[in-house]
Amino acid sequence: MRELDELLVGYLDSQYPSASDDEKLAFQAVLALPDPELNGYLLQRQVPQSEPIAVVIQHILKLPQT
């Protein structure tokens, strides 16, 4: 979905450059998730079991929407 892609690109543009190495690895893990799982997290239908992934998802969801 284009809207979800925009969320990921928004994080990549605004947060990723200043993120810690651990958070960058977690974001890369988010990108490697199967689409249904990623959609579930970003649409807040599921909660990640991995704490680092959960932190990245929360950062993504807190970004201002354009």
PDB file of N, CA and C in Angstrom:
ATOM      1  N   MET A   1       0.832  -1.184   0.000  1.00  0.00           N
ATOM      2  CA  MET A   1       0.000   0.000   0.000  1.00  0.00           C
ATOM      3  C   MET A   1       0.871   1.240   0.000  1.00  0.00           C
ATOM      4  N   ARG A   2       0.484   2.164  -0.782  1.00  0.00           N
ATOM      5  CA  ARG A   2       1.260   3.391  -0.929  1.00  0.00           C
ATOM      6  C   ARG A   2       1.363   4.164   0.393  1.00  0.00           C
ATOM      7  N   GLU A   3       0.292   4.199   1.167  1.00  0.00           N
ATOM      8  CA  GLU A   3       0.291   4.939   2.429  1.00  0.00           C
ATOM      9  C   GLU A   3       1.323   4.362   3.401  1.00  0.00           C
ATOM     10  N   LEU A   4       1.416   3.043   3.430  1.00  0.00           N
ATOM     11  CA  LEU A   4       2.385   2.413   4.321  1.00  0.00           C
ATOM     12  C   LEU A   4       3.807   2.664   3.838  1.00  0.00           C
ATOM     13  N   ASP A   5       3.994   2.658   2.527  1.00  0.00           N
ATOM     14  CA  ASP A   5       5.309   2.993   1.971  1.00  0.00           C
ATOM     15  C   ASP A   5       5.711   4.414   2.379  1.00  0.00           C
ATOM     16  N   GLU A   6       4.759   5.323   2.369  1.00  0.00           N
ATOM     17  CA  GLU A   6       5.044   6.705   2.751  1.00  0.00           C
ATOM     18  C   GLU A   6       5.444   6.802   4.221  1.00  0.00           C
ATOM     19  N   LEU A   7       4.838   5.980   5.069  1.00  0.00           N
ATOM     20  CA  LEU A   7       5.245   5.950   6.477  1.00  0.00           C
ATOM     21  C   LEU A   7       6.706   5.526   6.606  1.00  0.00           C
ATOM     22  N   LEU A   8       7.064   4.481   5.883  1.00  0.00           N
ATOM     23  CA  LEU A   8       8.436   3.977   5.955  1.00  0.00           C
ATOM     24  C   LEU A   8       9.430   4.988   5.400  1.00  0.00           C
ATOM     25  N   VAL A   9       9.089   5.613   4.284  1.00  0.00           N
ATOM     26  CA  VAL A   9       9.976   6.619   3.691  1.00  0.00           C
ATOM     27  C   VAL A   9      10.088   7.833   4.614  1.00  0.00           C
ATOM     28  N   GLY A  10       8.987   8.194   5.263  1.00  0.00           N
ATOM     29  CA  GLY A  10       9.021   9.306   6.215  1.00  0.00           C
ATOM     30  C   GLY A  10      10.005   9.049   7.344  1.00  0.00           C
ATOM     31  N   TYR A  11       9.986   7.828   7.867  1.00  0.00           N
ATOM     32  CA  TYR A  11      10.947   7.463   8.918  1.00  0.00           C
ATOM     33  C   TYR A  11      12.368   7.486   8.360  1.00  0.00           C
ATOM     34  N   LEU A  12      12.536   6.909   7.202  1.00  0.00           N
ATOM     35  CA  LEU A  12      13.860   6.844   6.583  1.00  0.00           C
ATOM     36  C   LEU A  12      14.442   8.242   6.385  1.00  0.00           C
ATOM     37  N   ASP A  13      13.624   9.168   5.932  1.00  0.00           N
ATOM     38  CA  ASP A  13      14.091  10.531   5.679  1.00  0.00           C
ATOM     39  C   ASP A  13      14.345  11.327   6.958  1.00  0.00           C
ATOM     40  N   SER A  14      13.454  11.179   7.937  1.00  0.00           N
ATOM     41  CA  SER A  14      13.522  12.073   9.097  1.00  0.00           C
ATOM     42  C   SER A  14      14.212  11.488  10.329  1.00  0.00           C
ATOM     43  N   GLN A  15      14.162  10.187  10.505  1.00  0.00           N
ATOM     44  CA  GLN A  15      14.682   9.588  11.738  1.00  0.00           C
ATOM     45  C   GLN A  15      15.914   8.712  11.539  1.00  0.00           C
ATOM     46  N   TYR A  16      15.958   7.992  10.446  1.00  0.00           N
ATOM     47  CA  TYR A  16      17.023   7.021  10.230  1.00  0.00           C
ATOM     48  C   TYR A  16      18.423   7.628  10.284  1.00  0.00           C
ATOM     49  N   PRO A  17      18.661   8.775   9.666  1.00  0.00           N
ATOM     50  CA  PRO A  17      20.038   9.304   9.680  1.00  0.00           C
ATOM     51  C   PRO A  17      20.600   9.530  11.084  1.00  0.00           C
ATOM     52  N   SER A  18      19.762   9.878  12.043  1.00  0.00           N
ATOM     53  CA  SER A  18      20.252  10.152  13.400  1.00  0.00           C
ATOM     54  C   SER A  18      19.981   9.004  14.365  1.00  0.00           C
ATOM     55  N   ALA A  19      19.444   7.904  13.881  1.00  0.00           N
ATOM     56  CA  ALA A  19      19.135   6.761  14.737  1.00  0.00           C
ATOM     57  C   ALA A  19      20.418   6.070  15.192  1.00  0.00           C
ATOM     58  N   SER A  20      20.313   5.392  16.322  1.00  0.00           N
ATOM     59  CA  SER A  20      21.455   4.607  16.809  1.00  0.00           C
ATOM     60  C   SER A  20      21.670   3.416  15.877  1.00  0.00           C
ATOM     61  N   ASP A  21      22.830   2.811  15.982  1.00  0.00           N
ATOM     62  CA  ASP A  21      23.116   1.635  15.156  1.00  0.00           C
ATOM     63  C   ASP A  21      22.104   0.524  15.430  1.00  0.00           C
ATOM     64  N   ASP A  22      21.714   0.347  16.701  1.00  0.00           N
ATOM     65  CA  ASP A  22      20.735  -0.680  17.044  1.00  0.00           C
ATOM     66  C   ASP A  22      19.379  -0.390  16.398  1.00  0.00           C
ATOM     67  N   GLU A  23      18.981   0.882  16.407  1.00  0.00           N
ATOM     68  CA  GLU A  23      17.701   1.228  15.802  1.00  0.00           C
ATOM     69  C   GLU A  23      17.762   1.068  14.282  1.00  0.00           C
ATOM     70  N   LYS A  24      18.898   1.370  13.693  1.00  0.00           N
ATOM     71  CA  LYS A  24      19.035   1.161  12.250  1.00  0.00           C
ATOM     72  C   LYS A  24      18.899  -0.317  11.906  1.00  0.00           C
ATOM     73  N   LEU A  25      19.492  -1.178  12.728  1.00  0.00           N
ATOM     74  CA  LEU A  25      19.351  -2.617  12.496  1.00  0.00           C
ATOM     75  C   LEU A  25      17.902  -3.055  12.660  1.00  0.00           C
ATOM     76  N   ALA A  26      17.216  -2.491  13.652  1.00  0.00           N
ATOM     77  CA  ALA A  26      15.806  -2.826  13.868  1.00  0.00           C
ATOM     78  C   ALA A  26      14.961  -2.365  12.680  1.00  0.00           C
ATOM     79  N   PHE A  27      15.259  -1.186  12.134  1.00  0.00           N
ATOM     80  CA  PHE A  27      14.512  -0.710  10.962  1.00  0.00           C
ATOM     81  C   PHE A  27      14.748  -1.634   9.773  1.00  0.00           C
ATOM     82  N   GLN A  28      15.970  -2.086   9.604  1.00  0.00           N
ATOM     83  CA  GLN A  28      16.256  -3.028   8.527  1.00  0.00           C
ATOM     84  C   GLN A  28      15.479  -4.325   8.732  1.00  0.00           C
ATOM     85  N   ALA A  29      15.322  -4.751   9.988  1.00  0.00           N
ATOM     86  CA  ALA A  29      14.519  -5.940  10.289  1.00  0.00           C
ATOM     87  C   ALA A  29      13.053  -5.691   9.961  1.00  0.00           C
ATOM     88  N   VAL A  30      12.579  -4.477  10.212  1.00  0.00           N
ATOM     89  CA  VAL A  30      11.201  -4.115   9.862  1.00  0.00           C
ATOM     90  C   VAL A  30      11.008  -4.256   8.354  1.00  0.00           C
ATOM     91  N   LEU A  31      11.955  -3.776   7.582  1.00  0.00           N
ATOM     92  CA  LEU A  31      11.842  -3.853   6.120  1.00  0.00           C
ATOM     93  C   LEU A  31      11.852  -5.291   5.612  1.00  0.00           C
ATOM     94  N   ALA A  32      12.451  -6.198   6.379  1.00  0.00           N
ATOM     95  CA  ALA A  32      12.533  -7.594   5.969  1.00  0.00           C
ATOM     96  C   ALA A  32      11.291  -8.401   6.363  1.00  0.00           C
ATOM     97  N   LEU A  33      10.377  -7.790   7.107  1.00  0.00           N
ATOM     98  CA  LEU A  33       9.168  -8.498   7.535  1.00  0.00           C
ATOM     99  C   LEU A  33       8.279  -8.827   6.338  1.00  0.00           C
ATOM    100  N   PRO A  34       7.550  -9.933   6.416  1.00  0.00           N
ATOM    101  CA  PRO A  34       6.562 -10.216   5.365  1.00  0.00           C
ATOM    102  C   PRO A  34       5.507  -9.106   5.348  1.00  0.00           C
ATOM    103  N   ASP A  35       5.014  -8.784   4.167  1.00  0.00           N
ATOM    104  CA  ASP A  35       4.051  -7.688   4.024  1.00  0.00           C
ATOM    105  C   ASP A  35       2.846  -7.796   4.959  1.00  0.00           C
ATOM    106  N   PRO A  36       2.217  -8.963   5.102  1.00  0.00           N
ATOM    107  CA  PRO A  36       1.048  -9.025   5.997  1.00  0.00           C
ATOM    108  C   PRO A  36       1.394  -8.679   7.449  1.00  0.00           C
ATOM    109  N   GLU A  37       2.567  -9.108   7.895  1.00  0.00           N
ATOM    110  CA  GLU A  37       2.996  -8.815   9.264  1.00  0.00           C
ATOM    111  C   GLU A  37       3.286  -7.320   9.419  1.00  0.00           C
ATOM    112  N   LEU A  38       4.018  -6.753   8.483  1.00  0.00           N
ATOM    113  CA  LEU A  38       4.327  -5.328   8.515  1.00  0.00           C
ATOM    114  C   LEU A  38       3.049  -4.497   8.479  1.00  0.00           C
ATOM    115  N   ASN A  39       2.128  -4.854   7.609  1.00  0.00           N
ATOM    116  CA  ASN A  39       0.853  -4.139   7.537  1.00  0.00           C
ATOM    117  C   ASN A  39       0.115  -4.213   8.865  1.00  0.00           C
ATOM    118  N   GLY A  40       0.109  -5.376   9.490  1.00  0.00           N
ATOM    119  CA  GLY A  40      -0.556  -5.532  10.782  1.00  0.00           C
ATOM    120  C   GLY A  40       0.019  -4.608  11.841  1.00  0.00           C
ATOM    121  N   TYR A  41       1.325  -4.451  11.842  1.00  0.00           N
ATOM    122  CA  TYR A  41       1.971  -3.558  12.807  1.00  0.00           C
ATOM    123  C   TYR A  41       1.664  -2.097  12.508  1.00  0.00           C
ATOM    124  N   LEU A  42       1.804  -1.705  11.261  1.00  0.00           N
ATOM    125  CA  LEU A  42       1.611  -0.301  10.902  1.00  0.00           C
ATOM    126  C   LEU A  42       0.146   0.125  10.958  1.00  0.00           C
ATOM    127  N   LEU A  43      -0.753  -0.841  10.801  1.00  0.00           N
ATOM    128  CA  LEU A  43      -2.179  -0.532  10.929  1.00  0.00           C
ATOM    129  C   LEU A  43      -2.672  -0.766  12.352  1.00  0.00           C
ATOM    130  N   GLN A  44      -1.755  -1.097  13.235  1.00  0.00           N
ATOM    131  CA  GLN A  44      -1.999  -1.309  14.663  1.00  0.00           C
ATOM    132  C   GLN A  44      -3.020  -2.425  14.919  1.00  0.00           C
ATOM    133  N   ARG A  45      -2.960  -3.445  14.100  1.00  0.00           N
ATOM    134  CA  ARG A  45      -3.795  -4.633  14.297  1.00  0.00           C
ATOM    135  C   ARG A  45      -3.038  -5.714  15.039  1.00  0.00           C
ATOM    136  N   GLN A  46      -1.707  -5.585  15.068  1.00  0.00           N
ATOM    137  CA  GLN A  46      -0.834  -6.528  15.748  1.00  0.00           C
ATOM    138  C   GLN A  46       0.231  -5.735  16.494  1.00  0.00           C
ATOM    139  N   VAL A  47       0.821  -6.379  17.502  1.00  0.00           N
ATOM    140  CA  VAL A  47       1.906  -5.769  18.265  1.00  0.00           C
ATOM    141  C   VAL A  47       3.147  -6.639  18.082  1.00  0.00           C
ATOM    142  N   PRO A  48       4.264  -6.031  17.704  1.00  0.00           N
ATOM    143  CA  PRO A  48       5.487  -6.820  17.523  1.00  0.00           C
ATOM    144  C   PRO A  48       5.937  -7.452  18.835  1.00  0.00           C
ATOM    145  N   GLN A  49       6.403  -8.678  18.769  1.00  0.00           N
ATOM    146  CA  GLN A  49       6.951  -9.350  19.940  1.00  0.00           C
ATOM    147  C   GLN A  49       8.381  -8.883  20.221  1.00  0.00           C
ATOM    148  N   SER A  50       9.067  -8.463  19.182  1.00  0.00           N
ATOM    149  CA  SER A  50      10.443  -7.974  19.316  1.00  0.00           C
ATOM    150  C   SER A  50      10.422  -6.528  19.805  1.00  0.00           C
ATOM    151  N   GLU A  51      11.084  -6.278  20.929  1.00  0.00           N
ATOM    152  CA  GLU A  51      11.116  -4.925  21.485  1.00  0.00           C
ATOM    153  C   GLU A  51      11.769  -3.920  20.532  1.00  0.00           C
ATOM    154  N   PRO A  52      12.912  -4.227  19.915  1.00  0.00           N
ATOM    155  CA  PRO A  52      13.508  -3.253  18.986  1.00  0.00           C
ATOM    156  C   PRO A  52      12.584  -2.925  17.810  1.00  0.00           C
ATOM    157  N   ILE A  53      11.909  -3.925  17.284  1.00  0.00           N
ATOM    158  CA  ILE A  53      10.973  -3.673  16.183  1.00  0.00           C
ATOM    159  C   ILE A  53       9.795  -2.849  16.680  1.00  0.00           C
ATOM    160  N   ALA A  54       9.315  -3.142  17.872  1.00  0.00           N
ATOM    161  CA  ALA A  54       8.203  -2.380  18.447  1.00  0.00           C
ATOM    162  C   ALA A  54       8.571  -0.907  18.603  1.00  0.00           C
ATOM    163  N   VAL A  55       9.795  -0.633  19.017  1.00  0.00           N
ATOM    164  CA  VAL A  55      10.249   0.752  19.187  1.00  0.00           C
ATOM    165  C   VAL A  55      10.249   1.469  17.833  1.00  0.00           C
ATOM    166  N   VAL A  56      10.774   0.825  16.811  1.00  0.00           N
ATOM    167  CA  VAL A  56      10.810   1.437  15.480  1.00  0.00           C
ATOM    168  C   VAL A  56       9.393   1.676  14.969  1.00  0.00           C
ATOM    169  N   ILE A  57       8.514   0.714  15.143  1.00  0.00           N
ATOM    170  CA  ILE A  57       7.129   0.872  14.696  1.00  0.00           C
ATOM    171  C   ILE A  57       6.489   2.066  15.408  1.00  0.00           C
ATOM    172  N   GLN A  58       6.725   2.206  16.703  1.00  0.00           N
ATOM    173  CA  GLN A  58       6.172   3.353  17.428  1.00  0.00           C
ATOM    174  C   GLN A  58       6.734   4.665  16.908  1.00  0.00           C
ATOM    175  N   HIS A  59       8.010   4.708  16.606  1.00  0.00           N
ATOM    176  CA  HIS A  59       8.603   5.923  16.036  1.00  0.00           C
ATOM    177  C   HIS A  59       7.978   6.249  14.688  1.00  0.00           C
ATOM    178  N   ILE A  60       7.761   5.223  13.882  1.00  0.00           N
ATOM    179  CA  ILE A  60       7.134   5.438  12.574  1.00  0.00           C
ATOM    180  C   ILE A  60       5.720   5.992  12.742  1.00  0.00           C
ATOM    181  N   LEU A  61       4.966   5.409  13.658  1.00  0.00           N
ATOM    182  CA  LEU A  61       3.567   5.812  13.846  1.00  0.00           C
ATOM    183  C   LEU A  61       3.436   7.201  14.466  1.00  0.00           C
ATOM    184  N   LYS A  62       4.463   7.673  15.151  1.00  0.00           N
ATOM    185  CA  LYS A  62       4.411   9.011  15.771  1.00  0.00           C
ATOM    186  C   LYS A  62       4.787  10.136  14.822  1.00  0.00           C
ATOM    187  N   LEU A  63       5.286   9.787  13.638  1.00  0.00           N
ATOM    188  CA  LEU A  63       5.670  10.816  12.680  1.00  0.00           C
ATOM    189  C   LEU A  63       4.444  11.589  12.209  1.00  0.00           C
ATOM    190  N   PRO A  64       4.591  12.897  11.987  1.00  0.00           N
ATOM    191  CA  PRO A  64       3.472  13.664  11.430  1.00  0.00           C
ATOM    192  C   PRO A  64       3.086  13.127  10.058  1.00  0.00           C
ATOM    193  N   GLN A  65       1.801  13.053   9.815  1.00  0.00           N
ATOM    194  CA  GLN A  65       1.302  12.586   8.525  1.00  0.00           C
ATOM    195  C   GLN A  65       1.225  13.754   7.548  1.00  0.00           C
ATOM    196  N   THR A  66       1.640  13.495   6.310  1.00  0.00           N
ATOM    197  CA  THR A  66       1.591  14.549   5.301  1.00  0.00           C
ATOM    198  C   THR A  66       0.446  14.331   4.345  1.00  0.00           C
TER     199      THR A  66
END
